[in-house]
C-alpha cells in the first residue's frame, strides 16, 4: 500500500476508535477511495471492509443501551460507509436494523413510520444480492405496513384497495424457496466435502461410536434427499420430452 494511503487509513482507524462518527471521518473514507490506481483501490477496499466490520461491532455494542435517537445516526454512518467500500452484506444488514429502529421510534406516529415502499426496496435489494433470508423479512414487513395502512384508511372511511399485495407475497414466497434451496446446496456441499476426507480420518471417526453413527445417518439422509430430487427432475424432464 502507498505510504500516503496507509497514513490516511491509520487516521481513519483513529477517528473510529475515538468514536468520531461524523462527516469529517466519512470524508477521510471518501478520500481513501478516490485513487485512480485500480490495484491500490482494490487493496484499500479490502482493508477498509475488515476495519469497518471490526469497529462497527464494538461501536454498535457500546450504543446498545442508548436511545433510538442516538443509535440511528451511528447506524446510518456505517450503512453509508459499508456502501462506499462495497460491502453489500453489511450494508443491508444495518439497513434492516435502522428501519426497525425507525419503526420503534415512530410507533405512535403513523405518518412518520417506515413505508411499505421502503421495505419493498430493501427486500428487492436483498433478493437481488442473494441475501434471501433478509429479503423474506423485508417483504413480510412491507405486507405488515400495507395491512396497517389499510386499517387506518378503513377507520377514516377512505380505504382504497392495495394492488401490490399479491406481487409482494409472490416475491416473499420466491425468497423463501431460495432460502430452502440454499440450505439444500449447503448440505450437499458438506456431504461432498466429507466424501473427500482421507480414509485414515474416516477410520478415526469410526472409533467415536454413537456420535459417528448420528453424523453418518445425517449424511445418509442428505444423500437420499438429493437422489430423490434428481429422480424428480429426471421424471419431470421425461414428461416434458414425452
Protein backbone atom coordinates (compact mmCIF):
# COMPACT_ATOMS: atom_id res chain seq x y z
CA UNK A 1 0.00 0.00 0.00
CA UNK A 2 1.24 3.50 -0.83
CA UNK A 3 2.56 5.46 2.15
CA UNK A 4 0.04 8.30 1.78
CA UNK A 5 -2.92 5.89 1.73
CA UNK A 6 -1.52 3.96 4.71
CA UNK A 7 -1.37 7.19 6.72
CA UNK A 8 -4.98 8.05 5.89
CA UNK A 9 -6.16 4.51 6.75
CA UNK A 10 -4.41 4.91 10.11
CA UNK A 11 -6.10 8.29 10.62
CA UNK A 12 -9.49 6.79 9.72
CA UNK A 13 -8.91 4.00 12.25
CA UNK A 14 -8.01 6.51 14.97
CA UNK A 15 -11.16 8.53 14.21
CA UNK A 16 -13.33 5.41 14.62
CA UNK A 17 -11.53 4.30 17.78
CA UNK A 18 -12.07 7.76 19.24
CA UNK A 19 -15.75 7.38 18.27
CA UNK A 20 -15.71 10.40 15.99
CA UNK A 21 -18.67 9.15 13.96
CA UNK A 22 -19.15 12.29 11.90
CA UNK A 23 -18.88 13.90 8.45
CA UNK A 24 -15.16 14.59 8.93
CA UNK A 25 -14.47 10.87 9.39
CA UNK A 26 -16.65 10.00 6.40
CA UNK A 27 -14.74 12.49 4.24
CA UNK A 28 -11.48 10.75 5.18
CA UNK A 29 -13.04 7.49 4.00
CA UNK A 30 -14.11 9.12 0.72
CA UNK A 31 -10.58 10.44 0.14
CA UNK A 32 -9.19 6.92 0.62
CA UNK A 33 -11.35 5.63 -2.22
CA UNK A 34 -10.54 8.43 -4.65
CA UNK A 35 -7.48 6.65 -6.05
CA UNK A 36 -7.36 6.04 -9.82
CA UNK A 37 -4.93 3.16 -9.36
CA UNK A 38 -7.17 0.07 -9.67
CA UNK A 39 -4.78 -2.28 -7.84
CA UNK A 40 -4.34 0.16 -4.97
CA UNK A 41 -8.12 0.80 -4.82
CA UNK A 42 -8.93 -2.94 -4.57
CA UNK A 43 -6.36 -3.40 -1.80
CA UNK A 44 -7.64 -0.35 0.08
CA UNK A 45 -11.29 -1.50 -0.17
CA UNK A 46 -10.35 -4.91 1.23
CA UNK A 47 -8.52 -3.38 4.20
CA UNK A 48 -11.33 -0.91 4.88
CA UNK A 49 -14.01 -3.64 4.81
CA UNK A 50 -12.18 -5.57 7.52
CA UNK A 51 -11.56 -2.41 9.55
CA UNK A 52 -15.17 -1.23 9.32
CA UNK A 53 -16.62 -4.62 10.26
CA UNK A 54 -14.32 -4.85 13.27
CA UNK A 55 -15.00 -1.33 14.55
CA UNK A 56 -18.75 -1.47 13.81
CA UNK A 57 -19.13 -4.45 16.15
CA UNK A 58 -17.59 -2.54 19.05
CA UNK A 59 -19.40 0.74 18.33
CA UNK A 60 -22.84 -0.85 17.96
CA UNK A 61 -22.29 -2.86 21.14
CA UNK A 62 -21.43 0.33 23.02
CA UNK A 63 -24.61 2.14 21.92
CA UNK A 64 -26.93 -0.82 22.51
CA UNK A 65 -28.34 0.74 25.70
CA UNK A 66 -28.65 4.27 24.30
CA UNK A 67 -31.80 5.92 22.98
CA UNK A 68 -33.12 5.26 19.49
CA UNK A 69 -32.32 8.87 18.55
CA UNK A 70 -28.68 8.25 19.48
CA UNK A 71 -28.48 4.94 17.64
CA UNK A 72 -29.94 5.91 14.25
CA UNK A 73 -27.21 8.43 13.15
CA UNK A 74 -24.46 5.97 14.12
CA UNK A 75 -26.05 3.06 12.25
CA UNK A 76 -26.65 5.29 9.21
CA UNK A 77 -22.96 6.32 9.25
CA UNK A 78 -21.90 2.68 8.98
CA UNK A 79 -24.55 1.96 6.31
CA UNK A 80 -23.07 4.71 4.13
CA UNK A 81 -19.51 3.61 4.92
CA UNK A 82 -20.18 -0.03 4.03
CA UNK A 83 -21.94 1.06 0.83
CA UNK A 84 -18.91 3.16 -0.12
CA UNK A 85 -16.43 0.30 0.31
CA UNK A 86 -18.74 -2.16 -1.49
CA UNK A 87 -19.65 -4.36 1.49
CA UNK A 88 -23.23 -5.08 0.39
CA UNK A 89 -23.93 -7.71 3.05
CA UNK A 90 -23.03 -5.45 6.00
CA UNK A 91 -24.83 -2.52 4.38
CA UNK A 92 -28.10 -4.45 4.01
CA UNK A 93 -27.86 -5.96 7.49
CA UNK A 94 -27.57 -2.49 9.03
CA UNK A 95 -30.28 -1.08 6.76
CA UNK A 96 -32.64 -3.63 8.26
CA UNK A 97 -31.62 -2.51 11.77
CA UNK A 98 -32.17 1.17 11.04
CA UNK A 99 -35.61 0.51 9.50
CA UNK A 100 -36.59 -1.42 12.63
CA UNK A 101 -35.31 1.44 14.82
CA UNK A 102 -37.40 3.93 12.84
CA UNK A 103 -40.46 1.69 13.26
CA UNK A 104 -39.93 1.75 17.03
CA UNK A 105 -39.28 5.49 17.13
CA UNK A 106 -42.46 6.40 15.27
CA UNK A 107 -44.64 3.64 16.64
CA UNK A 108 -47.36 6.15 17.59
CA UNK A 109 -46.94 8.43 14.57
CA UNK A 110 -48.41 6.66 11.56
CA UNK A 111 -47.39 9.28 9.00
CA UNK A 112 -43.71 9.03 10.06
CA UNK A 113 -43.44 5.24 10.11
CA UNK A 114 -41.42 3.32 7.53
CA UNK A 115 -43.49 2.98 4.37
CA UNK A 116 -44.15 -0.28 2.59
CA UNK A 117 -42.25 1.14 -0.41
CA UNK A 118 -39.11 1.47 1.73
CA UNK A 119 -39.44 -2.10 2.99
CA UNK A 120 -40.10 -3.29 -0.56
CA UNK A 121 -36.99 -1.54 -1.91
CA UNK A 122 -34.92 -3.04 0.89
CA UNK A 123 -36.34 -6.51 0.24
CA UNK A 124 -35.71 -6.25 -3.52
CA UNK A 125 -32.10 -5.17 -2.92
CA UNK A 126 -31.59 -8.11 -0.56
CA UNK A 127 -33.15 -10.56 -3.02
CA UNK A 128 -31.12 -9.27 -5.97
CA UNK A 129 -27.89 -9.58 -3.98
CA UNK A 130 -28.59 -13.14 -2.84
CA UNK A 131 -29.49 -12.46 0.82
CA UNK A 132 -32.75 -14.36 0.74
CA UNK A 133 -33.45 -14.65 4.48
CA UNK A 134 -33.19 -10.87 4.89
CA UNK A 135 -35.38 -10.42 1.81
CA UNK A 136 -38.13 -12.54 3.38
CA UNK A 137 -38.13 -10.26 6.45
CA UNK A 138 -38.31 -7.19 4.23
CA UNK A 139 -41.30 -8.49 2.26
CA UNK A 140 -43.10 -9.52 5.45
CA UNK A 141 -42.60 -6.05 6.91
CA UNK A 142 -43.87 -4.49 3.67
CA UNK A 143 -47.04 -6.58 3.99
CA UNK A 144 -47.45 -5.52 7.65
CA UNK A 145 -47.14 -1.86 6.60
CA UNK A 146 -49.85 -2.30 3.97
CA UNK A 147 -52.12 -4.03 6.49
CA UNK A 148 -51.54 -1.20 8.97
CA UNK A 149 -52.31 1.42 6.31
CA UNK A 150 -55.44 -0.47 5.27
CA UNK A 151 -56.77 -0.48 8.83
CA UNK A 152 -56.09 3.25 9.21
CA UNK A 153 -57.85 4.02 5.92
CA UNK A 154 -60.83 1.84 6.82
CA UNK A 155 -61.24 3.74 10.09
CA UNK A 156 -61.16 7.06 8.27
CA UNK A 157 -63.52 5.83 5.55
CA UNK A 158 -61.09 6.42 2.69
CA UNK A 159 -59.83 2.87 2.17
CA UNK A 160 -58.56 2.07 -1.33
CA UNK A 161 -57.56 -1.45 -2.44
CA UNK A 162 -53.80 -2.01 -2.47
CA UNK A 163 -52.80 -3.79 -5.68
CA UNK A 164 -49.23 -4.68 -4.73
CA UNK A 165 -50.05 -7.24 -2.02
CA UNK A 166 -50.18 -10.19 -4.41
CA UNK A 167 -46.86 -9.27 -6.00
CA UNK A 168 -45.15 -8.85 -2.63
CA UNK A 169 -46.43 -12.24 -1.46
CA UNK A 170 -45.16 -13.80 -4.67
CA UNK A 171 -41.70 -12.30 -4.15
CA UNK A 172 -41.67 -13.32 -0.47
CA UNK A 173 -42.56 -16.91 -1.36
CA UNK A 174 -39.86 -16.95 -4.03
CA UNK A 175 -37.32 -15.74 -1.46
CA UNK A 176 -38.44 -18.48 0.94
CA UNK A 177 -37.96 -21.08 -1.81
CA UNK A 178 -34.47 -19.75 -2.46
CA UNK A 179 -33.64 -19.94 1.27
CA UNK A 180 -34.67 -23.62 1.27
CA UNK A 181 -32.70 -24.25 -1.93
CA UNK A 182 -29.65 -22.56 -0.45
CA UNK A 183 -29.92 -24.84 2.59
CA UNK A 184 -30.02 -27.97 0.41
CA UNK A 185 -26.97 -26.75 -1.53
CA UNK A 186 -25.06 -26.17 1.71
CA UNK A 187 -25.93 -29.66 2.96
CA UNK A 188 -24.83 -31.16 -0.37
CA UNK A 189 -21.52 -29.26 -0.19
CA UNK A 190 -20.90 -30.60 3.33
CA UNK A 191 -21.64 -34.14 2.13
CA UNK A 192 -19.26 -33.84 -0.83
CA UNK A 193 -16.57 -32.43 1.45
CA UNK A 194 -16.99 -35.42 3.76
CA UNK A 195 -16.62 -37.77 0.78
CA UNK A 196 -13.18 -36.28 0.10
CA UNK A 197 -11.89 -36.94 3.64
CA UNK A 198 -8.90 -39.38 3.62
CA UNK A 199 -9.62 -42.98 4.63
CA UNK A 200 -7.47 -42.71 7.76
CA UNK A 201 -9.64 -39.84 9.04
CA UNK A 202 -12.77 -41.90 8.40
CA UNK A 203 -11.30 -44.76 10.42
CA UNK A 204 -10.61 -42.39 13.29
CA UNK A 205 -14.24 -41.29 13.16
CA UNK A 206 -15.45 -44.88 13.43
CA UNK A 207 -13.93 -45.12 16.89
CA UNK A 208 -16.22 -42.31 18.10
CA UNK A 209 -19.19 -44.65 18.45
CA UNK A 210 -22.61 -43.03 18.80
CA UNK A 211 -21.62 -39.53 17.57
CA UNK A 212 -20.24 -41.03 14.38
CA UNK A 213 -23.43 -43.06 13.92
CA UNK A 214 -25.55 -39.91 14.23
CA UNK A 215 -23.46 -37.96 11.72
CA UNK A 216 -23.47 -40.93 9.37
CA UNK A 217 -27.27 -41.11 9.46
CA UNK A 218 -27.42 -37.37 8.84
CA UNK A 219 -25.19 -37.63 5.77
CA UNK A 220 -27.18 -40.62 4.56
CA UNK A 221 -30.36 -38.58 4.84
CA UNK A 222 -28.83 -35.79 2.76
CA UNK A 223 -27.74 -38.28 0.11
CA UNK A 224 -31.21 -39.86 -0.10
CA UNK A 225 -32.86 -36.44 -0.34
CA UNK A 226 -30.58 -35.36 -3.18
CA UNK A 227 -31.17 -38.64 -5.04
CA UNK A 228 -34.93 -38.09 -4.70
CA UNK A 229 -34.60 -34.57 -6.09
CA UNK A 230 -32.53 -35.87 -9.01
CA UNK A 231 -35.15 -38.54 -9.81
CA UNK A 232 -37.94 -35.96 -9.62
CA UNK A 233 -36.09 -33.71 -12.09
CA UNK A 234 -35.46 -36.67 -14.42
CA UNK A 235 -39.14 -37.65 -14.24
CA UNK A 236 -40.27 -34.11 -14.99
CA UNK A 237 -37.84 -33.93 -17.93
CA UNK A 238 -39.25 -37.20 -19.35
CA UNK A 239 -42.82 -35.86 -19.09
CA UNK A 240 -41.78 -32.68 -20.91
CA UNK A 241 -39.96 -34.59 -23.66
CA UNK A 242 -42.73 -37.20 -23.88
